[in-house]
Each structure stands twice: as structure tokens, then as C-alpha cells.
Amino acid sequence: MSLAVGQVSALTSPVALDCVTLATAGGGAGSFLVVAGNADLTPDVIGHYQFGFAAATGNDVVAARSTSGAVLSDRALDTRSIAEGRFRAMERRVLHLDRRGAFAAASRAMRSIPTHVDRTVVPSVGDTLTFKIPDATASNACTSFTTQKAVVKTVGTHGIIVQDVKAPAGGFSAADFQSIESEFDQIIYPTDMVHFGSPSDIDHDGHVYLLFTPQVNAATKRGSNSILEGFFFAGDLFPSTGVNSCAESNESEVFYLLVPDPAGTFSDARPDSIVRQDIRGTIAHEFQHMINAGVRFFAEDAPDEATWLNEGLSHFAEELVGRAEDNFSDTQKLAIADVADFPTLNNFDAFYGQNMARLREWMSTPGTLGATSGHADTSLAVRGAAWSLLRWSADHYANGNVAAFTRALVAGPDTGVANLVARTGVPFDSITAGWLPALYTDDDAISGLPSRYTFLSWNIRDIESRINNNVFPLVANTLSQSQATTGSVASASANYYLVSVPASGTVVFGELDTNGGAVTYAGARLYIVRLQ
């Protein structure tokens, strides 16, 4: 192949990878990005390969790419997703959500019980209600729970805030509760509803409960590196008795959230200002899970969404709520200067920064785990890749209507890769062929590069560099015959390389099996971009 600067070639048949001749259109020296991808539809399929050379590469020196400007260096990687992921895994196992029809069976059981909870009368501020609070650390939250009283603090248009009577002193003030209610009613609820669908309302009160309880604090061991800031439990949508039931169920839409604990009574000390900031993104995230579960609960043939896609959508919810907070459109191209709200960085840390930090985690070892990996429960890197895959797909296949695209993903009834393929209308091969190169080539000043190989909504290179000491974390290693290059790559992932072509010369190389023959894994792909 002879490519001009900005041209891209995708080799999508494994048998075509063993002999590739690179040249530059016009005969001058040039540099190429070689993306060794794995487009396998099945998660966590690992392909092993080596690169072999049949001709000298000439000069291997490639101009370095860097970003300069204000640095948000060493942004801490929030590990709340790990604790929440463990809870989600328990939820799927206990409620059998991995079985097609589990939601539908529970829904039919709920509708058949005439005496289920019916809160048609909305409570008033000061009322005391009783809730069953699941033990987030138990192996079965349907059978391990406590019954607690909680006082109504606010009654909003869409949310009702209640606080456990055992909450420690020094917590939220009435003004704090009103601020939380206002953000939920005015920003989080309408944004998530428009983008993911209407929440269920199995108790007929037209509201969602935000229950602040120290039981959530107690779920995090003192000194732990991860923290559970809040969660939604799908068991609350199941009937509390009978077939397909969950004894814990409140038969109501409930979030369980961390309370301020300045003295550290239940876990590590957490003042009200820290808790208030930390739960903002958590509520946006968990509300997507609530909507997703409710939509599938009332659909007869929609099983629980694959973990990577469900989590990717919840991380997408964080971003979309942040855009609503800052009056950005769903498709507006944003760089670090747009979202870094100095000096506090409150919105950046609540809604944007963690997606970028999780993607940075994936970029540091890109071929190890893919966006569709079954390890999304516990891997922040997988979640970062999954968010970026959804974001890029929405950029290029939503026809400018991100909300319609994400609502269709929630509605299914497909799950996982099949769901994404159905909603984009193109094969997974087409998605990976654009998304995987774009992670490197986005906003890299490559002349003539088609927009397909960029993110339309983010300057990925700018933001990832700025949160990483002005060093872009996705490193492309130089390929040459002077050193053996072997690699492993997981489904929906890739490794990145640079190849230099000398003036008036060519480079001949191949991606081979580790034994020297043609590669044998079905997802093997090469995406080649002329950079310079």
C-alpha cells in the first residue's frame, strides 16, 4: 500500500496480515501508525502474535508528539467503581439477571400481587418511613438486610430525600438537602430520563427515593483504597414474597447513599463537603442503572444488559449530566480548557475527570483488556475503554441525536456487542476499525485525516495529556527489524506501533503467529494510518 498523509487502510482479514508493504505516496520519507487490533465479537478472546520483517526499515526515528499547557497532573483515579462493581456482580448472581427472562418473571410476579407496596400518597417533610437496607458486603443482599427508619428531608418534583435516623451528627444541613434535591430534579433526572428512558414507578408515587444511610459508609472497611459511595439494587423492583422474589425488596425505586460522618463513627471520617461533592457523579451513574433495570424489568424479552455496556452507559451518564450542568450540547467538541472549572474543579471531578482517568488507565496497557471484557466489574481500565467506545459510536452513528441513540441501547432487547451493532447499524468490525485508531489519532494534527478517525465530542489527546503531566499516555512503540516484537491483544482492544519508511523506499513486514505462520485468531486486524 502507498498512502498519503492522513490516509488509512484497514486490513480486516487475518490471512492478509502476513505480508504488508508500506510506501509513501510521492516517494518521500514518512511515518505510519500500525494498530494491531482484535475485533472478535466474543469478550476476552486473547490473540498472540509477532511482527516479522522482510526488509530494512531505514530510519526509525519518528517525531515525538506532545501537548503543552495547563496541567491537571496526577489526577487521582477514583476507585468507587470497583466497590460498586462487586455489588453489581452479587446483584446479577442473586437475582439471576444473567438468565434471559429473569426480569420478566419478576415483573409478572409483581403485577400478580394485589397487595404490593403502593405509595400513591406522597409523604411530607418530617414524616418517618421504614426501609429495608441491603447489606452491600453480603453474598446475598436479598436475605442480608436491616430494617431502618428514615426521616423525609425534602420532597421534590422527582426525588424524595430521606435520611436514616442513625445518621451521625454533623451531617447535611437543610440547605444541603435542598441543594441535592434541586440538582437531582433540575439536572440529573431530566438528563438521564431524556438519554436513557423513564424510570419505573412500581410503587405509584411518581418519585425516586434518595436514602442517605450510614449502612453505606459501613460497607467500606476503614483504610480501604476503594469506597462505596452509593448504589441502586435491582432487588427493590422484585416482589418481596412469593416466586421470583427478593425478601429485601422495598418494592420501590431507591438509591442508597453515603452520609457525612465527620467523626468516623461508621468508617473513615468523611465531612459533609466531601460527601456532597462525591455523590454528584454517583447519583447520575446509579440513576442510569435504575432506569436500565426498570426498562428491562417491564420488557418481556429483555435480559439484563452486559456488564461492560451497562457500566459504560452509566459512565456516559456522568458525562452527559456534566454537559447539562455546564450548558454544553451532547455533541459539542470539548477540550480541557472547557471543562476544567478552576479553581475548585468541582464539575470536572464529579462528571468528567474520572472517565478520562479510567481511559488513561486503559491507555497505559491497551491490549490487556478490551472494552467488552467480562472484567468490567473490577477493572477501571475496561470501564474507561467501554465509555470511550460508546462515546465514539455516538459521535459517528447517532446522526446528531445522542439521546435517541442511548435510549435505543437501553431498550435493547439485545445486549452487549449485539446491542451496540444493532443500534449503530454497522458490523463490529466497522466500529473497531474507526474507534481503535481514533484513540491515538484524535486531534493529532494529521493533515487530511478523515473525521471517522477522531472523536467529534472530545479532544482526547489534549485532555489525556493534561491529566498525565503533558504526556499522552497511549504509547506507540517503534517497529523495526532490529528487535523482536511480540504481543497479545484482547477482544475490542489493540496495541499501537510506529513504522518509519525511508525516502524512495519501502518497508515490508507481517503480523504472524508466534510460530511464524499466519495469525490464527479470528479477530486479528491491522489498521494503518500515515501520520507524516
Protein backbone atom coordinates (compact mmCIF):
# COMPACT_ATOMS: atom_id res chain seq x y z
CA MET A 1 0.00 0.00 0.00
CA SER A 2 1.10 3.53 -0.81
CA LEU A 3 -0.54 6.10 1.45
CA ALA A 4 -0.59 9.87 1.50
CA VAL A 5 -0.55 11.70 4.85
CA GLY A 6 -3.91 11.19 6.57
CA GLN A 7 -4.89 8.13 4.56
CA VAL A 8 -5.94 4.97 6.40
CA SER A 9 -6.02 1.32 5.38
CA ALA A 10 -7.86 -1.37 7.34
CA LEU A 11 -6.79 -4.97 6.85
CA THR A 12 -9.71 -6.94 8.21
CA SER A 13 -8.87 -10.47 7.12
CA PRO A 14 -6.29 -12.31 9.24
CA VAL A 15 -4.84 -14.03 6.14
CA ALA A 16 -3.94 -10.60 4.68
CA LEU A 17 -1.69 -9.60 7.56
CA ASP A 18 1.38 -11.74 6.96
CA CYS A 19 2.91 -9.56 4.24
CA VAL A 20 2.37 -5.79 4.17
CA THR A 21 4.46 -3.47 2.01
CA LEU A 22 4.37 0.16 3.08
CA ALA A 23 5.36 3.05 0.84
CA THR A 24 4.70 6.77 0.82
CA ALA A 25 2.68 8.37 -1.94
CA GLY A 26 5.16 10.71 -3.63
CA GLY A 27 8.21 8.77 -2.51
CA GLY A 28 9.27 10.91 0.46
CA ALA A 29 10.04 9.63 3.92
CA GLY A 30 7.07 9.02 6.15
CA SER A 31 5.85 7.61 9.44
CA PHE A 32 2.93 5.26 9.92
CA LEU A 33 0.79 4.20 12.86
CA VAL A 34 0.16 0.45 12.88
CA VAL A 35 -2.71 -0.60 15.13
CA ALA A 36 -2.75 -4.32 15.89
CA GLY A 37 -6.39 -4.81 16.85
CA ASN A 38 -8.66 -7.65 17.87
CA ALA A 39 -12.22 -7.32 16.57
CA ASP A 40 -13.52 -10.60 17.99
CA LEU A 41 -17.20 -10.38 18.95
CA THR A 42 -16.66 -12.63 21.96
CA PRO A 43 -15.26 -10.86 25.04
CA ASP A 44 -11.83 -11.71 26.42
CA VAL A 45 -10.52 -13.72 23.48
CA ILE A 46 -6.74 -13.23 23.56
CA GLY A 47 -4.75 -13.22 20.32
CA HIS A 48 -0.99 -13.79 20.33
CA TYR A 49 1.27 -12.55 17.54
CA GLN A 50 4.70 -11.42 16.48
CA PHE A 51 5.89 -8.95 13.87
CA GLY A 52 8.41 -10.10 11.30
CA PHE A 53 10.38 -8.01 8.79
CA ALA A 54 11.49 -8.92 5.30
CA ALA A 55 13.22 -5.62 4.51
CA ALA A 56 15.15 -2.91 6.30
CA THR A 57 13.06 -0.12 7.74
CA GLY A 58 15.52 2.68 7.19
CA ASN A 59 15.47 5.43 9.78
CA ASP A 60 13.22 4.50 12.71
CA VAL A 61 13.16 7.96 14.25
CA VAL A 62 9.64 9.39 14.41
CA ALA A 63 8.87 12.93 15.52
CA ALA A 64 7.62 12.99 19.11
CA ARG A 65 4.11 14.27 19.79
CA SER A 66 3.43 16.29 22.88
CA THR A 67 0.90 18.66 24.35
CA SER A 68 1.69 21.77 26.32
CA GLY A 69 -0.45 23.93 28.54
CA ALA A 70 -2.03 23.94 31.96
CA VAL A 71 -1.53 20.58 33.62
CA LEU A 72 -4.02 18.71 35.78
CA SER A 73 -1.32 16.25 36.66
CA ASP A 74 -1.67 13.10 38.70
CA ARG A 75 -5.45 13.19 38.84
CA ALA A 76 -6.36 10.56 41.40
CA LEU A 77 -8.12 7.55 39.95
CA ASP A 78 -11.37 7.22 41.86
CA THR A 79 -11.85 3.59 42.87
CA ARG A 80 -15.53 3.86 43.78
CA SER A 81 -16.30 1.89 40.61
CA ILE A 82 -14.52 -1.18 41.98
CA ALA A 83 -16.67 -1.36 45.11
CA GLU A 84 -19.83 -0.71 43.09
CA GLY A 85 -18.77 -3.35 40.57
CA ARG A 86 -18.52 -6.02 43.24
CA PHE A 87 -22.04 -5.15 44.36
CA ARG A 88 -23.34 -5.33 40.77
CA ALA A 89 -21.79 -8.81 40.39
CA MET A 90 -23.59 -10.00 43.53
CA GLU A 91 -26.83 -8.49 42.23
CA ARG A 92 -26.64 -10.39 38.93
CA ARG A 93 -25.83 -13.66 40.66
CA VAL A 94 -28.51 -13.43 43.37
CA LEU A 95 -31.28 -12.19 41.10
CA HIS A 96 -30.23 -14.49 38.22
CA LEU A 97 -30.05 -11.49 35.91
CA ASP A 98 -27.73 -13.37 33.56
CA ARG A 99 -30.68 -15.58 32.62
CA ARG A 100 -33.00 -14.42 29.87
CA GLY A 101 -36.42 -13.72 31.34
CA ALA A 102 -35.34 -13.15 34.95
CA PHE A 103 -36.65 -9.58 34.93
CA ALA A 104 -39.79 -10.59 33.03
CA ALA A 105 -40.62 -13.37 35.52
CA ALA A 106 -40.22 -10.99 38.47
CA SER A 107 -42.30 -8.37 36.68
CA ARG A 108 -45.13 -10.81 36.10
CA ALA A 109 -44.95 -11.88 39.74
CA MET A 110 -45.06 -8.26 40.90
CA ARG A 111 -48.11 -7.47 38.76
CA SER A 112 -49.93 -10.53 40.05
CA ILE A 113 -49.67 -9.50 43.71
CA PRO A 114 -52.55 -7.17 44.63
CA THR A 115 -51.03 -6.21 47.98
CA HIS A 116 -47.63 -4.93 46.88
CA VAL A 117 -46.39 -1.59 48.22
CA ASP A 118 -48.47 1.31 46.94
CA ARG A 119 -47.27 4.75 47.99
CA THR A 120 -49.79 6.74 45.98
CA VAL A 121 -49.85 9.24 48.83
CA VAL A 122 -46.61 11.21 48.66
CA PRO A 123 -45.06 11.73 52.12
CA SER A 124 -44.36 15.13 53.63
CA VAL A 125 -41.18 16.61 55.05
CA GLY A 126 -40.72 15.33 58.58
CA ASP A 127 -42.57 12.05 58.00
CA THR A 128 -40.84 8.86 59.15
CA LEU A 129 -40.77 5.94 56.72
CA THR A 130 -39.44 2.41 57.05
CA PHE A 131 -36.96 0.91 54.57
CA LYS A 132 -35.14 -2.36 54.25
CA ILE A 133 -31.47 -1.58 53.57
CA PRO A 134 -29.42 -4.26 51.78
CA ASP A 135 -26.04 -5.24 53.16
CA ALA A 136 -23.73 -4.24 50.32
CA THR A 137 -20.98 -6.57 51.56
CA ALA A 138 -23.13 -9.69 51.87
CA SER A 139 -23.10 -12.60 49.46
CA ASN A 140 -26.87 -12.25 49.15
CA ALA A 141 -28.40 -8.82 49.74
CA CYS A 142 -31.89 -10.23 49.31
CA THR A 143 -31.53 -12.12 52.57
CA SER A 144 -29.00 -9.90 54.38
CA PHE A 145 -30.54 -6.54 55.19
CA THR A 146 -31.54 -4.31 58.07
CA THR A 147 -34.85 -2.57 58.64
CA GLN A 148 -34.37 1.10 59.42
CA LYS A 149 -36.49 4.19 59.92
CA ALA A 150 -35.70 7.27 57.86
CA VAL A 151 -36.99 10.84 58.05
CA VAL A 152 -38.17 12.70 54.95
CA LYS A 153 -35.90 15.72 54.40
CA THR A 154 -37.18 17.04 51.06
CA VAL A 155 -39.99 16.27 48.65
CA GLY A 156 -39.18 17.43 45.15
CA THR A 157 -40.74 17.09 41.75
CA HIS A 158 -38.98 13.80 41.03
CA GLY A 159 -36.99 12.90 44.14
CA ILE A 160 -37.70 12.37 47.81
CA ILE A 161 -34.69 12.61 50.11
CA VAL A 162 -34.83 10.56 53.29
CA GLN A 163 -32.14 10.11 55.92
CA ASP A 164 -31.59 7.15 58.21
CA VAL A 165 -32.35 8.07 61.84
CA LYS A 166 -28.96 6.57 62.76
CA ALA A 167 -27.03 9.07 60.64
CA PRO A 168 -24.24 10.63 62.76
CA ALA A 169 -24.26 14.23 63.91
CA GLY A 170 -22.56 16.93 61.88
CA GLY A 171 -24.11 15.89 58.59
CA PHE A 172 -26.03 17.70 55.90
CA SER A 173 -27.99 20.82 56.73
CA ALA A 174 -31.48 21.56 55.42
CA ALA A 175 -29.84 23.77 52.77
CA ASP A 176 -27.58 20.88 51.73
CA PHE A 177 -30.52 18.55 51.28
CA GLN A 178 -32.32 21.19 49.24
CA SER A 179 -29.25 21.65 47.05
CA ILE A 180 -29.05 17.89 46.43
CA GLU A 181 -32.78 17.79 45.65
CA SER A 182 -32.54 20.71 43.24
CA GLU A 183 -29.61 19.20 41.33
CA PHE A 184 -31.45 15.90 41.05
CA ASP A 185 -34.76 17.45 39.97
CA GLN A 186 -33.39 20.06 37.60
CA ILE A 187 -30.29 18.44 36.09
CA ILE A 188 -29.75 14.75 36.81
CA TYR A 189 -33.32 13.45 36.48
CA PRO A 190 -34.21 15.20 33.19
CA THR A 191 -30.81 14.47 31.65
CA ASP A 192 -30.83 10.77 32.46
CA MET A 193 -34.50 10.41 31.54
CA VAL A 194 -34.04 12.03 28.13
CA HIS A 195 -30.96 9.92 27.37
CA PHE A 196 -31.91 6.57 28.85
CA GLY A 197 -35.69 6.45 29.33
CA SER A 198 -38.23 6.97 32.09
CA PRO A 199 -37.65 5.18 35.39
CA SER A 200 -40.12 2.57 36.52
CA ASP A 201 -42.67 3.53 39.20
CA ILE A 202 -43.74 0.27 40.79
CA ASP A 203 -44.99 1.98 43.97
CA HIS A 204 -47.07 4.52 42.01
CA ASP A 205 -45.85 7.63 43.80
CA GLY A 206 -44.10 9.28 40.84
CA HIS A 207 -40.85 9.71 42.78
CA VAL A 208 -37.42 8.20 43.31
CA TYR A 209 -36.11 7.85 46.88
CA LEU A 210 -32.60 9.03 47.75
CA LEU A 211 -31.89 7.30 51.05
CA PHE A 212 -28.84 8.57 52.93
CA THR A 213 -27.76 5.88 55.37
CA PRO A 214 -24.61 5.07 57.37
CA GLN A 215 -25.07 1.46 56.26
CA VAL A 216 -23.40 2.55 53.02
CA ASN A 217 -20.49 4.05 54.97
CA ALA A 218 -20.10 0.82 56.93
CA ALA A 219 -19.74 -1.15 53.68
CA THR A 220 -16.26 0.36 53.22
CA LYS A 221 -13.57 -1.02 55.52
CA ARG A 222 -11.52 1.57 57.35
CA GLY A 223 -8.42 2.49 55.41
CA SER A 224 -9.69 0.86 52.22
CA ASN A 225 -8.35 2.02 48.86
CA SER A 226 -11.83 1.86 47.37
CA ILE A 227 -15.08 3.34 48.61
CA LEU A 228 -18.73 2.58 48.05
CA GLU A 229 -20.44 5.96 47.74
CA GLY A 230 -23.85 4.68 46.79
CA PHE A 231 -25.77 2.12 44.80
CA PHE A 232 -29.08 1.06 43.31
CA PHE A 233 -30.24 -2.52 43.95
CA ALA A 234 -32.45 -4.16 41.32
CA GLY A 235 -33.86 -6.39 44.08
CA ASP A 236 -36.04 -3.42 45.09
CA LEU A 237 -38.01 -3.90 41.86
CA PHE A 238 -38.77 -7.55 42.68
CA PRO A 239 -41.70 -8.67 44.82
CA SER A 240 -40.71 -9.19 48.45
CA THR A 241 -42.57 -12.50 48.77
CA GLY A 242 -43.52 -15.43 46.59
CA VAL A 243 -41.93 -16.82 43.45
CA ASN A 244 -39.15 -14.76 41.83
CA SER A 245 -38.95 -12.60 44.95
CA CYS A 246 -36.29 -10.77 46.96
CA ALA A 247 -37.09 -10.55 50.66
CA GLU A 248 -35.17 -7.28 50.98
CA SER A 249 -37.27 -5.57 48.34
CA ASN A 250 -38.79 -2.21 49.22
CA GLU A 251 -40.90 -2.55 46.08
CA SER A 252 -39.87 0.97 45.28
CA GLU A 253 -37.22 2.89 43.33
CA VAL A 254 -34.46 3.65 45.87
CA PHE A 255 -30.86 4.89 45.82
CA TYR A 256 -28.72 4.15 48.86
CA LEU A 257 -26.15 6.89 49.52
CA LEU A 258 -23.26 7.71 51.83
CA VAL A 259 -23.89 10.08 54.76
CA PRO A 260 -21.41 12.61 56.11
CA ASP A 261 -19.56 11.11 59.07
CA PRO A 262 -17.13 13.75 60.39
CA ALA A 263 -16.11 11.71 63.44
CA GLY A 264 -15.64 8.45 61.55
CA THR A 265 -18.26 6.56 63.52
CA PHE A 266 -19.10 4.01 60.83
CA SER A 267 -15.99 4.04 58.65
CA ASP A 268 -13.26 6.55 57.77
CA ALA A 269 -14.16 10.14 58.65
CA ARG A 270 -15.88 11.96 55.80
CA PRO A 271 -17.06 15.57 56.24
CA ASP A 272 -20.21 16.86 54.61
CA SER A 273 -18.38 18.93 51.96
CA ILE A 274 -16.50 15.88 50.65
CA VAL A 275 -19.57 13.64 50.64
CA ARG A 276 -21.69 16.29 48.92
CA GLN A 277 -19.16 16.58 46.10
CA ASP A 278 -18.52 12.85 45.74
CA ILE A 279 -22.14 11.74 45.42
CA ARG A 280 -22.95 14.03 42.48
CA GLY A 281 -21.49 11.74 39.83
CA THR A 282 -22.63 8.68 41.79
CA ILE A 283 -26.28 9.71 41.57
CA ALA A 284 -26.02 10.34 37.82
CA HIS A 285 -24.31 6.95 37.40
CA GLU A 286 -26.70 4.92 39.55
CA PHE A 287 -29.79 6.54 38.05
CA GLN A 288 -28.85 5.07 34.66
CA HIS A 289 -28.64 1.64 36.32
CA MET A 290 -32.10 2.21 37.84
CA ILE A 291 -33.61 3.25 34.51
CA ASN A 292 -31.91 0.40 32.65
CA ALA A 293 -33.18 -2.18 35.12
CA GLY A 294 -36.70 -0.72 35.08
CA VAL A 295 -36.91 -0.72 31.30
CA ARG A 296 -35.84 -4.34 31.12
CA PHE A 297 -37.99 -5.28 34.12
CA PHE A 298 -41.15 -4.46 32.18
CA ALA A 299 -39.96 -5.85 28.83
CA GLU A 300 -40.91 -9.45 28.27
CA ASP A 301 -37.80 -10.38 26.30
CA ALA A 302 -35.02 -8.09 27.51
CA PRO A 303 -32.41 -9.73 29.75
CA ASP A 304 -30.09 -7.74 31.97
CA GLU A 305 -27.58 -5.72 29.97
CA ALA A 306 -23.99 -6.98 29.68
CA THR A 307 -21.87 -5.52 32.45
CA TRP A 308 -19.46 -3.61 30.21
CA LEU A 309 -22.28 -1.89 28.32
CA ASN A 310 -24.37 -1.18 31.41
CA GLU A 311 -21.36 0.36 33.16
CA GLY A 312 -20.33 2.19 30.00
CA LEU A 313 -23.78 3.76 29.81
CA SER A 314 -23.61 4.82 33.47
CA HIS A 315 -20.22 6.44 32.90
CA PHE A 316 -21.71 8.09 29.81
CA ALA A 317 -24.48 9.38 32.12
CA GLU A 318 -21.86 11.10 34.27
CA GLU A 319 -20.52 12.93 31.23
CA LEU A 320 -23.95 13.88 29.89
CA VAL A 321 -25.03 15.28 33.26
CA GLY A 322 -21.80 17.27 33.38
CA ARG A 323 -22.54 18.69 29.94
CA ALA A 324 -26.02 19.67 31.14
CA GLU A 325 -24.55 21.31 34.25
CA ASP A 326 -22.15 23.35 32.13
CA ASN A 327 -24.59 24.09 29.29
CA PHE A 328 -22.68 22.11 26.66
CA SER A 329 -24.54 20.19 24.00
CA ASP A 330 -24.23 16.40 23.72
CA THR A 331 -22.05 16.74 20.63
CA GLN A 332 -20.02 19.88 21.36
CA LYS A 333 -16.28 19.34 20.94
CA LEU A 334 -14.62 19.90 24.33
CA ALA A 335 -11.02 20.32 25.40
CA ILE A 336 -9.54 20.62 28.86
CA ALA A 337 -9.98 24.40 28.91
CA ASP A 338 -13.73 23.93 28.51
CA VAL A 339 -14.30 21.53 31.39
CA ALA A 340 -11.58 22.33 33.92
CA ASP A 341 -13.60 24.63 36.19
CA PHE A 342 -10.75 26.22 38.13
CA PRO A 343 -10.14 26.72 40.97
CA THR A 344 -12.45 24.13 42.53
CA LEU A 345 -12.70 21.66 39.63
CA ASN A 346 -15.98 20.54 41.20
CA ASN A 347 -17.79 19.71 37.98
CA PHE A 348 -14.66 18.30 36.35
CA ASP A 349 -14.07 15.88 39.21
CA ALA A 350 -17.76 14.97 39.55
CA PHE A 351 -18.63 14.33 35.92
CA TYR A 352 -15.66 14.33 33.52
CA GLY A 353 -12.34 13.62 35.17
CA GLN A 354 -12.95 10.03 36.15
CA ASN A 355 -13.93 8.94 32.65
CA MET A 356 -10.67 10.42 31.43
CA ALA A 357 -8.70 8.84 34.28
CA ARG A 358 -10.23 5.43 33.59
CA LEU A 359 -9.41 5.79 29.88
CA ARG A 360 -5.86 6.78 30.86
CA GLU A 361 -5.69 3.53 32.83
CA TRP A 362 -6.63 1.55 29.71
CA MET A 363 -4.19 3.51 27.53
CA SER A 364 -1.29 2.59 29.81
CA THR A 365 -1.68 -1.13 28.87
CA PRO A 366 -4.11 -1.07 25.94
CA GLY A 367 -4.00 -4.65 24.68
CA THR A 368 -4.53 -6.32 28.04
CA LEU A 369 -8.30 -5.93 28.47
CA GLY A 370 -10.82 -4.75 25.90
CA ALA A 371 -13.86 -2.52 26.14
CA THR A 372 -16.20 -5.54 26.08
CA SER A 373 -14.35 -7.50 28.75
CA GLY A 374 -16.18 -9.50 31.37
CA HIS A 375 -13.86 -7.88 33.91
CA ALA A 376 -15.82 -4.61 33.86
CA ASP A 377 -16.92 -5.36 37.44
CA THR A 378 -13.46 -4.77 38.82
CA SER A 379 -11.34 -3.18 36.09
CA LEU A 380 -11.32 0.60 35.84
CA ALA A 381 -9.43 0.27 32.54
CA VAL A 382 -12.26 -1.74 30.98
CA ARG A 383 -14.77 0.89 32.09
CA GLY A 384 -12.65 3.65 30.55
CA ALA A 385 -12.44 1.79 27.27
CA ALA A 386 -16.18 1.00 27.32
CA TRP A 387 -17.07 4.66 27.88
CA SER A 388 -14.82 5.74 25.02
CA LEU A 389 -16.29 3.08 22.71
CA LEU A 390 -19.82 4.32 23.41
CA ARG A 391 -18.78 7.96 23.12
CA TRP A 392 -17.08 7.40 19.74
CA SER A 393 -20.02 5.30 18.50
CA ALA A 394 -22.50 8.01 19.48
CA ASP A 395 -20.32 10.60 17.74
CA HIS A 396 -20.44 8.72 14.45
CA TYR A 397 -23.68 6.71 14.42
CA ALA A 398 -26.22 8.75 16.40
CA ASN A 399 -26.89 11.13 13.49
CA GLY A 400 -26.52 14.03 15.88
CA ASN A 401 -29.16 12.69 18.29
CA VAL A 402 -27.19 11.17 21.15
CA ALA A 403 -30.28 10.82 23.35
CA ALA A 404 -32.13 8.68 20.80
CA PHE A 405 -29.04 6.51 20.39
CA THR A 406 -28.54 5.86 24.11
CA ARG A 407 -32.27 5.30 24.71
CA ALA A 408 -32.23 2.66 22.00
CA LEU A 409 -29.29 0.93 23.68
CA VAL A 410 -31.15 0.82 26.99
CA ALA A 411 -34.32 -0.50 25.35
CA GLY A 412 -32.48 -3.37 23.64
CA PRO A 413 -33.71 -6.07 23.70
CA ASP A 414 -30.23 -7.14 22.61
CA THR A 415 -27.31 -7.00 24.99
CA GLY A 416 -23.59 -6.36 24.75
CA VAL A 417 -21.88 -6.29 21.37
CA ALA A 418 -25.07 -7.38 19.59
CA ASN A 419 -26.90 -4.41 21.10
CA LEU A 420 -24.22 -1.93 20.00
CA VAL A 421 -24.12 -3.41 16.50
CA ALA A 422 -27.91 -3.26 16.19
CA ARG A 423 -28.07 0.34 17.31
CA THR A 424 -25.21 1.56 15.11
CA GLY A 425 -26.41 -0.42 12.12
CA VAL A 426 -22.88 -1.49 11.16
CA PRO A 427 -20.75 -4.59 11.90
CA PHE A 428 -18.49 -4.56 14.94
CA ASP A 429 -15.56 -4.67 12.50
CA SER A 430 -16.58 -1.25 11.20
CA ILE A 431 -16.81 0.16 14.71
CA THR A 432 -13.40 -1.08 15.86
CA ALA A 433 -11.79 0.00 12.57
CA GLY A 434 -12.67 3.61 13.40
CA TRP A 435 -12.61 3.70 17.18
CA LEU A 436 -9.29 1.96 17.85
CA PRO A 437 -7.19 4.23 15.58
CA ALA A 438 -9.10 7.32 16.80
CA LEU A 439 -7.87 6.76 20.34
CA TYR A 440 -4.40 7.66 19.07
CA THR A 441 -5.04 9.90 16.06
CA ASP A 442 -7.70 12.17 17.56
CA ASP A 443 -6.57 15.81 17.35
CA ASP A 444 -3.02 14.86 16.40
CA ALA A 445 -2.81 17.48 13.63
CA ILE A 446 -2.67 14.84 10.88
CA SER A 447 -3.33 16.51 7.57
CA GLY A 448 -6.22 15.04 5.60
CA LEU A 449 -7.30 12.58 8.30
CA PRO A 450 -11.00 11.66 7.86
CA SER A 451 -13.22 12.61 10.81
CA ARG A 452 -14.03 8.92 11.28
CA TYR A 453 -10.64 8.61 12.98
CA THR A 454 -11.39 11.30 15.55
CA PHE A 455 -13.78 11.87 18.43
CA LEU A 456 -16.25 14.55 17.41
CA SER A 457 -17.14 15.41 21.01
CA TRP A 458 -13.77 15.49 22.80
CA ASN A 459 -10.16 16.44 22.18
CA ILE A 460 -8.90 13.17 23.60
CA ARG A 461 -5.20 13.88 23.07
CA ASP A 462 -5.45 17.24 24.83
CA ILE A 463 -7.32 16.01 27.89
CA GLU A 464 -5.44 12.73 28.33
CA SER A 465 -2.13 14.58 28.09
CA ARG A 466 -3.15 17.31 30.52
CA ILE A 467 -4.13 14.82 33.23
CA ASN A 468 -0.89 12.93 32.66
CA ASN A 469 1.82 15.59 33.08
CA ASN A 470 1.54 16.68 29.43
CA VAL A 471 2.49 13.21 28.21
CA PHE A 472 -0.03 11.35 26.08
CA PRO A 473 -0.46 8.00 27.88
CA LEU A 474 -1.16 5.86 24.79
CA VAL A 475 2.37 4.98 23.72
CA ALA A 476 3.06 3.65 20.21
CA ASN A 477 6.24 1.58 20.21
CA THR A 478 8.58 1.65 17.23
CA LEU A 479 8.60 -1.41 14.98
CA SER A 480 11.87 -2.35 13.33
CA GLN A 481 13.76 -5.45 12.26
CA SER A 482 16.38 -4.66 14.87
CA GLN A 483 14.24 -6.05 17.68
CA ALA A 484 11.77 -8.89 18.03
CA THR A 485 8.24 -7.66 18.71
CA THR A 486 5.63 -9.97 20.17
CA GLY A 487 2.30 -9.12 21.66
CA SER A 488 -1.04 -10.24 23.00
CA VAL A 489 -4.29 -8.42 22.37
CA ALA A 490 -7.74 -8.93 23.88
CA SER A 491 -11.09 -8.60 22.13
CA ALA A 492 -12.10 -4.96 21.48
CA SER A 493 -8.59 -3.73 22.15
CA ALA A 494 -5.33 -3.05 20.34
CA ASN A 495 -1.62 -2.43 20.61
CA TYR A 496 -0.03 0.55 18.87
CA TYR A 497 3.19 0.79 16.85
CA LEU A 498 5.11 3.26 14.70
CA VAL A 499 6.90 2.38 11.47
CA SER A 500 9.21 4.69 9.52
CA VAL A 501 9.58 4.45 5.75
CA PRO A 502 12.73 5.95 4.22
CA ALA A 503 12.61 8.28 1.23
CA SER A 504 12.14 6.37 -2.04
CA GLY A 505 11.98 3.15 -0.06
CA THR A 506 9.53 0.60 1.29
CA VAL A 507 9.08 -1.42 4.44
CA VAL A 508 7.87 -5.00 4.28
CA PHE A 509 6.56 -6.57 7.47
CA GLY A 510 3.92 -9.03 8.62
CA GLU A 511 1.83 -9.87 11.65
CA LEU A 512 2.46 -13.55 12.20
CA ASP A 513 1.55 -16.30 14.58
CA THR A 514 4.11 -16.80 17.35
CA ASN A 515 5.31 -19.92 15.44
CA GLY A 516 5.96 -17.88 12.29
CA GLY A 517 2.89 -18.85 10.29
CA ALA A 518 -0.24 -16.85 9.54
CA VAL A 519 -2.06 -15.47 12.60
CA THR A 520 -4.74 -17.83 13.82
CA TYR A 521 -7.03 -15.70 15.97
CA ALA A 522 -10.15 -14.67 14.06
CA GLY A 523 -10.25 -11.10 15.35
CA ALA A 524 -6.77 -10.17 14.06
CA ARG A 525 -6.81 -6.79 12.31
CA LEU A 526 -4.29 -4.17 11.21
CA TYR A 527 -5.30 -0.53 10.90
CA ILE A 528 -2.57 1.55 9.25
CA VAL A 529 -2.52 5.37 9.30
CA ARG A 530 0.02 7.60 7.55
CA LEU A 531 0.93 10.18 10.19
CA GLN A 532 3.64 12.21 8.45
